[in-house]
Amino acid sequence: MSRILVCGVGNKLKRDDGLGPCVVEALEGNVSQPGVELADYGISGFKCALRLEGYDKVVFVDAISLPGAEPGRLHRLRITRDKLMKSPRLSDFSVSMHETDLERIMATAAILGIYPGEVVIIGCEPADTSVGLGFSEPVEAAFPAVIDLVLKEL
């Protein structure tokens, strides 16, 4: 049986940046596949990096800001260990918007020899990451599709 971790990262107190933790919260109690675990790491990157050992697949869920993308646009990225380690600069993988830099989590796991077999990042282009609660309209509208993308990965 394969082991899959769905890991929500982000800050619920910064509107759209809370996407990852909110997705994990929505999935709790609704995912019953054996071998699937859910975790909300908020903005605690190092703890998350140490937790990756033994998983065949890790699905990170986060607000992802990519150049030219409209708010609410869905993203699915797959980052292989080889591509990460061949990069001249970790900033080539800079998709996070907060202290939990996914590229640093993955680089730490690779260096420690605990990089999962597959890493997928699912997210949504944010519209508002200011201090406050609740999603902007585009992210709120995209939220069910983000959940669907995560469920398809399982």
N, C-alpha and C. Protein backbone atom coordinates (compact mmCIF):
# COMPACT_ATOMS: atom_id res chain seq x y z
N MET A 1 0.85 -1.19 0.00
CA MET A 1 0.00 0.00 0.00
C MET A 1 0.89 1.24 0.00
N SER A 2 0.58 2.16 -0.90
CA SER A 2 1.38 3.38 -0.94
C SER A 2 0.92 4.35 0.14
N ARG A 3 1.87 5.17 0.58
CA ARG A 3 1.58 6.19 1.60
C ARG A 3 1.60 7.55 0.93
N ILE A 4 0.53 8.31 1.15
CA ILE A 4 0.39 9.64 0.56
C ILE A 4 0.12 10.64 1.67
N LEU A 5 0.83 11.76 1.62
CA LEU A 5 0.62 12.85 2.56
C LEU A 5 0.07 14.05 1.80
N VAL A 6 -1.05 14.58 2.26
CA VAL A 6 -1.58 15.85 1.76
C VAL A 6 -1.22 16.89 2.80
N CYS A 7 -0.40 17.84 2.40
CA CYS A 7 0.17 18.80 3.33
C CYS A 7 -0.28 20.22 2.98
N GLY A 8 -1.07 20.81 3.83
CA GLY A 8 -1.51 22.19 3.63
C GLY A 8 -0.51 23.15 4.24
N VAL A 9 -0.08 24.13 3.44
CA VAL A 9 0.81 25.17 3.95
C VAL A 9 0.20 26.53 3.65
N GLY A 10 0.46 27.47 4.54
CA GLY A 10 -0.06 28.82 4.35
C GLY A 10 -0.53 29.41 5.67
N ASN A 11 -0.96 30.64 5.60
CA ASN A 11 -1.36 31.40 6.78
C ASN A 11 -2.83 31.80 6.67
N LYS A 12 -3.67 31.18 7.49
CA LYS A 12 -5.12 31.46 7.45
C LYS A 12 -5.45 32.91 7.82
N LEU A 13 -4.51 33.61 8.43
CA LEU A 13 -4.75 35.00 8.82
C LEU A 13 -4.39 35.99 7.71
N LYS A 14 -4.00 35.44 6.54
CA LYS A 14 -3.65 36.30 5.41
C LYS A 14 -4.50 35.92 4.19
N ARG A 15 -5.78 35.92 4.39
CA ARG A 15 -6.79 35.69 3.36
C ARG A 15 -6.47 34.53 2.43
N ASP A 16 -6.16 34.78 1.16
CA ASP A 16 -5.97 33.70 0.18
C ASP A 16 -4.77 32.81 0.50
N ASP A 17 -3.82 33.30 1.27
CA ASP A 17 -2.66 32.50 1.64
C ASP A 17 -3.06 31.33 2.55
N GLY A 18 -4.25 31.35 3.10
CA GLY A 18 -4.73 30.26 3.93
C GLY A 18 -5.32 29.09 3.16
N LEU A 19 -5.16 29.09 1.85
CA LEU A 19 -5.74 28.04 1.01
C LEU A 19 -5.36 26.64 1.48
N GLY A 20 -4.07 26.37 1.65
CA GLY A 20 -3.61 25.03 2.02
C GLY A 20 -4.25 24.50 3.30
N PRO A 21 -4.14 25.24 4.41
CA PRO A 21 -4.77 24.78 5.64
C PRO A 21 -6.28 24.61 5.52
N CYS A 22 -6.94 25.48 4.76
CA CYS A 22 -8.40 25.37 4.61
C CYS A 22 -8.79 24.13 3.80
N VAL A 23 -7.98 23.77 2.80
CA VAL A 23 -8.25 22.56 2.02
C VAL A 23 -8.10 21.33 2.91
N VAL A 24 -7.03 21.28 3.70
CA VAL A 24 -6.83 20.14 4.61
C VAL A 24 -7.99 20.05 5.60
N GLU A 25 -8.42 21.18 6.12
CA GLU A 25 -9.54 21.21 7.05
C GLU A 25 -10.82 20.68 6.39
N ALA A 26 -11.06 21.07 5.14
CA ALA A 26 -12.25 20.62 4.42
C ALA A 26 -12.20 19.11 4.14
N LEU A 27 -10.99 18.57 3.95
CA LEU A 27 -10.85 17.14 3.64
C LEU A 27 -10.91 16.25 4.87
N GLU A 28 -10.62 16.80 6.05
CA GLU A 28 -10.64 16.00 7.27
C GLU A 28 -12.01 15.36 7.46
N GLY A 29 -12.01 14.07 7.69
CA GLY A 29 -13.26 13.35 7.86
C GLY A 29 -13.90 12.92 6.56
N ASN A 30 -13.39 13.41 5.42
CA ASN A 30 -13.95 13.06 4.11
C ASN A 30 -13.02 12.20 3.27
N VAL A 31 -11.81 11.94 3.76
CA VAL A 31 -10.85 11.11 3.03
C VAL A 31 -10.63 9.85 3.86
N SER A 32 -11.01 8.72 3.27
CA SER A 32 -10.92 7.47 4.03
C SER A 32 -10.03 6.42 3.37
N GLN A 33 -9.28 6.81 2.34
CA GLN A 33 -8.41 5.84 1.68
C GLN A 33 -7.29 5.43 2.62
N PRO A 34 -7.01 4.11 2.69
CA PRO A 34 -5.89 3.66 3.51
C PRO A 34 -4.58 4.23 2.98
N GLY A 35 -3.72 4.61 3.89
CA GLY A 35 -2.40 5.13 3.52
C GLY A 35 -2.36 6.62 3.24
N VAL A 36 -3.51 7.30 3.30
CA VAL A 36 -3.55 8.74 3.06
C VAL A 36 -3.62 9.47 4.40
N GLU A 37 -2.71 10.42 4.57
CA GLU A 37 -2.71 11.24 5.78
C GLU A 37 -2.82 12.71 5.39
N LEU A 38 -3.43 13.48 6.27
CA LEU A 38 -3.59 14.92 6.07
C LEU A 38 -2.82 15.65 7.16
N ALA A 39 -2.19 16.76 6.80
CA ALA A 39 -1.46 17.55 7.78
C ALA A 39 -1.52 19.02 7.40
N ASP A 40 -1.76 19.86 8.40
CA ASP A 40 -1.74 21.31 8.22
C ASP A 40 -0.46 21.80 8.88
N TYR A 41 0.50 22.26 8.07
CA TYR A 41 1.75 22.77 8.62
C TYR A 41 1.80 24.28 8.66
N GLY A 42 0.73 24.94 8.29
CA GLY A 42 0.71 26.39 8.39
C GLY A 42 1.94 27.00 7.76
N ILE A 43 2.75 27.68 8.58
CA ILE A 43 3.97 28.30 8.09
C ILE A 43 5.21 27.66 8.71
N SER A 44 5.10 26.44 9.18
CA SER A 44 6.20 25.75 9.84
C SER A 44 6.91 24.79 8.87
N GLY A 45 7.81 25.32 8.08
CA GLY A 45 8.46 24.56 7.02
C GLY A 45 9.39 23.46 7.47
N PHE A 46 10.20 23.70 8.49
CA PHE A 46 11.19 22.69 8.87
C PHE A 46 10.51 21.44 9.42
N LYS A 47 9.46 21.62 10.21
CA LYS A 47 8.71 20.46 10.71
C LYS A 47 8.17 19.65 9.55
N CYS A 48 7.69 20.33 8.55
CA CYS A 48 7.14 19.66 7.37
C CYS A 48 8.22 18.88 6.65
N ALA A 49 9.39 19.46 6.48
CA ALA A 49 10.49 18.78 5.78
C ALA A 49 10.84 17.48 6.47
N LEU A 50 10.85 17.47 7.78
CA LEU A 50 11.21 16.27 8.52
C LEU A 50 10.12 15.21 8.48
N ARG A 51 8.92 15.59 8.14
CA ARG A 51 7.78 14.67 8.11
C ARG A 51 7.65 13.91 6.79
N LEU A 52 8.45 14.22 5.79
CA LEU A 52 8.28 13.64 4.46
C LEU A 52 8.80 12.22 4.32
N GLU A 53 9.57 11.75 5.27
CA GLU A 53 10.18 10.42 5.15
C GLU A 53 9.13 9.32 5.12
N GLY A 54 9.32 8.40 4.20
CA GLY A 54 8.46 7.23 4.13
C GLY A 54 7.22 7.37 3.26
N TYR A 55 7.03 8.51 2.66
CA TYR A 55 5.87 8.70 1.79
C TYR A 55 6.24 8.44 0.34
N ASP A 56 5.34 7.78 -0.36
CA ASP A 56 5.52 7.56 -1.79
C ASP A 56 5.17 8.82 -2.58
N LYS A 57 4.25 9.59 -2.02
CA LYS A 57 3.78 10.80 -2.71
C LYS A 57 3.40 11.83 -1.67
N VAL A 58 3.76 13.08 -1.94
CA VAL A 58 3.34 14.19 -1.09
C VAL A 58 2.66 15.21 -1.99
N VAL A 59 1.47 15.63 -1.58
CA VAL A 59 0.72 16.64 -2.30
C VAL A 59 0.67 17.88 -1.41
N PHE A 60 1.41 18.91 -1.81
CA PHE A 60 1.36 20.18 -1.10
C PHE A 60 0.20 20.98 -1.66
N VAL A 61 -0.50 21.69 -0.79
CA VAL A 61 -1.58 22.59 -1.22
C VAL A 61 -1.23 23.97 -0.68
N ASP A 62 -1.19 24.95 -1.58
CA ASP A 62 -0.73 26.27 -1.20
C ASP A 62 -1.27 27.31 -2.18
N ALA A 63 -1.30 28.56 -1.76
CA ALA A 63 -1.56 29.66 -2.69
C ALA A 63 -0.28 29.82 -3.50
N ILE A 64 -0.41 29.86 -4.81
CA ILE A 64 0.75 29.91 -5.69
C ILE A 64 0.63 31.11 -6.62
N SER A 65 1.62 31.97 -6.57
CA SER A 65 1.62 33.15 -7.42
C SER A 65 2.64 32.98 -8.54
N LEU A 66 2.14 32.85 -9.76
CA LEU A 66 3.00 32.71 -10.93
C LEU A 66 2.80 33.93 -11.84
N PRO A 67 3.86 34.36 -12.49
CA PRO A 67 3.77 35.57 -13.33
C PRO A 67 2.69 35.46 -14.40
N GLY A 68 1.87 36.50 -14.48
CA GLY A 68 0.87 36.59 -15.54
C GLY A 68 -0.42 35.82 -15.30
N ALA A 69 -0.51 35.08 -14.21
CA ALA A 69 -1.72 34.28 -13.95
C ALA A 69 -2.80 35.15 -13.29
N GLU A 70 -4.03 34.91 -13.72
CA GLU A 70 -5.17 35.63 -13.17
C GLU A 70 -5.56 35.04 -11.81
N PRO A 71 -6.04 35.88 -10.87
CA PRO A 71 -6.51 35.36 -9.58
C PRO A 71 -7.58 34.29 -9.78
N GLY A 72 -7.45 33.22 -9.02
CA GLY A 72 -8.39 32.10 -9.11
C GLY A 72 -7.92 31.00 -10.04
N ARG A 73 -6.88 31.23 -10.82
CA ARG A 73 -6.38 30.19 -11.73
C ARG A 73 -5.77 29.04 -10.92
N LEU A 74 -6.09 27.83 -11.33
CA LEU A 74 -5.56 26.65 -10.65
C LEU A 74 -4.17 26.32 -11.19
N HIS A 75 -3.34 25.77 -10.31
CA HIS A 75 -2.00 25.35 -10.68
C HIS A 75 -1.76 23.93 -10.20
N ARG A 76 -1.05 23.15 -11.02
CA ARG A 76 -0.56 21.83 -10.61
C ARG A 76 0.87 21.73 -11.09
N LEU A 77 1.79 21.62 -10.16
CA LEU A 77 3.21 21.54 -10.47
C LEU A 77 3.76 20.22 -9.95
N ARG A 78 4.68 19.65 -10.69
CA ARG A 78 5.35 18.43 -10.24
C ARG A 78 6.83 18.74 -10.22
N ILE A 79 7.45 18.61 -9.05
CA ILE A 79 8.87 18.93 -8.88
C ILE A 79 9.61 17.64 -8.56
N THR A 80 10.48 17.23 -9.46
CA THR A 80 11.26 16.02 -9.22
C THR A 80 12.53 16.36 -8.44
N ARG A 81 13.04 15.37 -7.73
CA ARG A 81 14.27 15.56 -6.97
C ARG A 81 15.42 15.94 -7.90
N ASP A 82 15.53 15.27 -9.04
CA ASP A 82 16.62 15.55 -9.98
C ASP A 82 16.58 16.99 -10.47
N LYS A 83 15.41 17.46 -10.85
CA LYS A 83 15.29 18.83 -11.34
C LYS A 83 15.64 19.82 -10.23
N LEU A 84 15.17 19.56 -9.04
CA LEU A 84 15.45 20.44 -7.90
C LEU A 84 16.94 20.52 -7.63
N MET A 85 17.62 19.37 -7.60
CA MET A 85 19.03 19.35 -7.25
C MET A 85 19.93 19.87 -8.37
N LYS A 86 19.46 19.86 -9.63
CA LYS A 86 20.25 20.39 -10.74
C LYS A 86 20.10 21.89 -10.90
N SER A 87 19.14 22.46 -10.20
CA SER A 87 18.89 23.90 -10.34
C SER A 87 20.07 24.69 -9.78
N PRO A 88 20.54 25.69 -10.51
CA PRO A 88 21.64 26.50 -10.00
C PRO A 88 21.22 27.36 -8.81
N ARG A 89 19.93 27.64 -8.72
CA ARG A 89 19.44 28.46 -7.61
C ARG A 89 18.10 27.89 -7.17
N LEU A 90 17.92 27.76 -5.86
CA LEU A 90 16.63 27.30 -5.37
C LEU A 90 15.52 28.27 -5.74
N SER A 91 15.85 29.54 -5.95
CA SER A 91 14.81 30.51 -6.27
C SER A 91 14.13 30.20 -7.60
N ASP A 92 14.72 29.31 -8.41
CA ASP A 92 14.05 28.89 -9.64
C ASP A 92 12.72 28.20 -9.33
N PHE A 93 12.56 27.72 -8.11
CA PHE A 93 11.35 27.01 -7.72
C PHE A 93 10.53 27.83 -6.73
N SER A 94 10.72 29.12 -6.69
CA SER A 94 10.06 29.94 -5.69
C SER A 94 8.58 30.11 -6.04
N VAL A 95 7.75 29.29 -5.40
CA VAL A 95 6.31 29.38 -5.63
C VAL A 95 5.58 29.79 -4.37
N SER A 96 6.23 29.70 -3.21
CA SER A 96 5.58 30.02 -1.94
C SER A 96 5.59 31.52 -1.69
N MET A 97 4.64 31.95 -0.89
CA MET A 97 4.50 33.37 -0.61
C MET A 97 4.72 33.69 0.86
N HIS A 98 5.29 32.78 1.62
CA HIS A 98 5.41 32.97 3.06
C HIS A 98 6.63 32.23 3.56
N GLU A 99 6.75 32.13 4.89
CA GLU A 99 7.95 31.55 5.48
C GLU A 99 8.14 30.08 5.11
N THR A 100 7.09 29.38 4.76
CA THR A 100 7.20 27.98 4.38
C THR A 100 7.53 27.90 2.90
N ASP A 101 8.77 28.07 2.56
CA ASP A 101 9.18 27.98 1.17
C ASP A 101 9.21 26.52 0.75
N LEU A 102 8.33 26.15 -0.14
CA LEU A 102 8.25 24.74 -0.55
C LEU A 102 9.55 24.26 -1.15
N GLU A 103 10.23 25.14 -1.90
CA GLU A 103 11.49 24.71 -2.50
C GLU A 103 12.53 24.39 -1.44
N ARG A 104 12.54 25.10 -0.34
CA ARG A 104 13.49 24.81 0.74
C ARG A 104 13.11 23.54 1.49
N ILE A 105 11.81 23.31 1.66
CA ILE A 105 11.36 22.06 2.28
C ILE A 105 11.84 20.88 1.44
N MET A 106 11.63 20.97 0.13
CA MET A 106 12.00 19.86 -0.76
C MET A 106 13.51 19.69 -0.83
N ALA A 107 14.26 20.80 -0.85
CA ALA A 107 15.72 20.71 -0.88
C ALA A 107 16.23 20.08 0.40
N THR A 108 15.66 20.44 1.54
CA THR A 108 16.05 19.85 2.82
C THR A 108 15.79 18.35 2.79
N ALA A 109 14.62 17.95 2.31
CA ALA A 109 14.29 16.52 2.24
C ALA A 109 15.26 15.79 1.31
N ALA A 110 15.62 16.41 0.19
CA ALA A 110 16.55 15.77 -0.75
C ALA A 110 17.92 15.60 -0.12
N ILE A 111 18.40 16.62 0.56
CA ILE A 111 19.71 16.56 1.21
C ILE A 111 19.72 15.50 2.31
N LEU A 112 18.62 15.37 3.04
CA LEU A 112 18.52 14.39 4.12
C LEU A 112 18.23 12.98 3.60
N GLY A 113 17.99 12.86 2.30
CA GLY A 113 17.71 11.54 1.72
C GLY A 113 16.31 11.03 2.00
N ILE A 114 15.37 11.94 2.24
CA ILE A 114 13.99 11.53 2.55
C ILE A 114 13.00 12.13 1.55
N TYR A 115 13.47 12.46 0.34
CA TYR A 115 12.60 13.04 -0.68
C TYR A 115 11.58 11.99 -1.12
N PRO A 116 10.30 12.31 -1.11
CA PRO A 116 9.28 11.34 -1.52
C PRO A 116 9.43 10.93 -2.98
N GLY A 117 8.84 9.81 -3.33
CA GLY A 117 8.88 9.33 -4.71
C GLY A 117 8.27 10.33 -5.68
N GLU A 118 7.25 11.03 -5.27
CA GLU A 118 6.58 12.01 -6.14
C GLU A 118 6.15 13.20 -5.29
N VAL A 119 6.37 14.40 -5.81
CA VAL A 119 5.93 15.63 -5.15
C VAL A 119 5.08 16.42 -6.12
N VAL A 120 3.87 16.73 -5.71
CA VAL A 120 2.94 17.53 -6.51
C VAL A 120 2.53 18.74 -5.67
N ILE A 121 2.48 19.88 -6.32
CA ILE A 121 2.01 21.09 -5.65
C ILE A 121 0.74 21.53 -6.35
N ILE A 122 -0.32 21.65 -5.57
CA ILE A 122 -1.60 22.11 -6.12
C ILE A 122 -1.94 23.42 -5.44
N GLY A 123 -2.35 24.36 -6.24
CA GLY A 123 -2.67 25.65 -5.66
C GLY A 123 -3.56 26.48 -6.55
N CYS A 124 -3.72 27.70 -6.12
CA CYS A 124 -4.59 28.65 -6.79
C CYS A 124 -3.93 30.01 -6.72
N GLU A 125 -4.04 30.75 -7.81
CA GLU A 125 -3.49 32.10 -7.87
C GLU A 125 -4.27 33.00 -6.91
N PRO A 126 -3.59 33.63 -5.94
CA PRO A 126 -4.29 34.47 -4.98
C PRO A 126 -4.63 35.84 -5.57
N ALA A 127 -5.62 36.48 -4.97
CA ALA A 127 -5.96 37.86 -5.32
C ALA A 127 -5.63 38.79 -4.17
N ASP A 128 -5.70 38.27 -2.93
CA ASP A 128 -5.54 39.12 -1.75
C ASP A 128 -4.85 38.33 -0.64
N THR A 129 -3.65 38.73 -0.29
CA THR A 129 -2.93 38.08 0.81
C THR A 129 -2.67 39.05 1.95
N SER A 130 -3.52 40.07 2.04
CA SER A 130 -3.40 41.01 3.15
C SER A 130 -3.92 40.34 4.43
N VAL A 131 -3.64 40.95 5.56
CA VAL A 131 -4.10 40.42 6.84
C VAL A 131 -5.62 40.47 6.88
N GLY A 132 -6.23 39.34 7.19
CA GLY A 132 -7.68 39.26 7.28
C GLY A 132 -8.11 37.82 7.13
N LEU A 133 -9.39 37.58 7.37
CA LEU A 133 -9.95 36.24 7.28
C LEU A 133 -10.80 36.10 6.03
N GLY A 134 -10.88 34.90 5.51
CA GLY A 134 -11.72 34.61 4.36
C GLY A 134 -11.01 34.84 3.05
N PHE A 135 -11.48 34.13 2.03
CA PHE A 135 -10.89 34.21 0.71
C PHE A 135 -11.45 35.37 -0.10
N SER A 136 -10.68 35.80 -1.08
CA SER A 136 -11.18 36.75 -2.08
C SER A 136 -12.21 36.00 -2.94
N GLU A 137 -12.98 36.72 -3.73
CA GLU A 137 -13.99 36.08 -4.59
C GLU A 137 -13.41 35.06 -5.55
N PRO A 138 -12.30 35.38 -6.27
CA PRO A 138 -11.77 34.38 -7.21
C PRO A 138 -11.31 33.09 -6.54
N VAL A 139 -10.69 33.19 -5.37
CA VAL A 139 -10.21 31.99 -4.68
C VAL A 139 -11.38 31.23 -4.07
N GLU A 140 -12.34 31.93 -3.55
CA GLU A 140 -13.55 31.27 -3.01
C GLU A 140 -14.24 30.47 -4.12
N ALA A 141 -14.33 31.06 -5.31
CA ALA A 141 -14.97 30.38 -6.43
C ALA A 141 -14.16 29.16 -6.89
N ALA A 142 -12.85 29.23 -6.77
CA ALA A 142 -11.98 28.14 -7.21
C ALA A 142 -11.82 27.04 -6.17
N PHE A 143 -12.20 27.30 -4.92
CA PHE A 143 -11.96 26.36 -3.81
C PHE A 143 -12.47 24.94 -4.10
N PRO A 144 -13.70 24.74 -4.59
CA PRO A 144 -14.15 23.37 -4.87
C PRO A 144 -13.29 22.67 -5.93
N ALA A 145 -12.80 23.41 -6.92
CA ALA A 145 -11.95 22.81 -7.95
C ALA A 145 -10.59 22.41 -7.37
N VAL A 146 -10.08 23.18 -6.41
CA VAL A 146 -8.83 22.81 -5.74
C VAL A 146 -9.02 21.49 -4.99
N ILE A 147 -10.13 21.37 -4.28
CA ILE A 147 -10.45 20.12 -3.56
C ILE A 147 -10.49 18.96 -4.56
N ASP A 148 -11.15 19.16 -5.69
CA ASP A 148 -11.24 18.10 -6.71
C ASP A 148 -9.86 17.69 -7.22
N LEU A 149 -8.98 18.67 -7.45
CA LEU A 149 -7.63 18.35 -7.92
C LEU A 149 -6.88 17.51 -6.89
N VAL A 150 -7.01 17.87 -5.63
CA VAL A 150 -6.35 17.09 -4.57
C VAL A 150 -6.90 15.67 -4.53
N LEU A 151 -8.20 15.54 -4.60
CA LEU A 151 -8.82 14.20 -4.55
C LEU A 151 -8.37 13.35 -5.74
N LYS A 152 -8.19 13.96 -6.91
CA LYS A 152 -7.72 13.20 -8.09
C LYS A 152 -6.30 12.69 -7.88
N GLU A 153 -5.50 13.40 -7.09
CA GLU A 153 -4.13 12.95 -6.82
C GLU A 153 -4.09 11.72 -5.92
N LEU A 154 -5.16 11.50 -5.19
CA LEU A 154 -5.19 10.37 -4.25
C LEU A 154 -5.58 9.08 -4.97
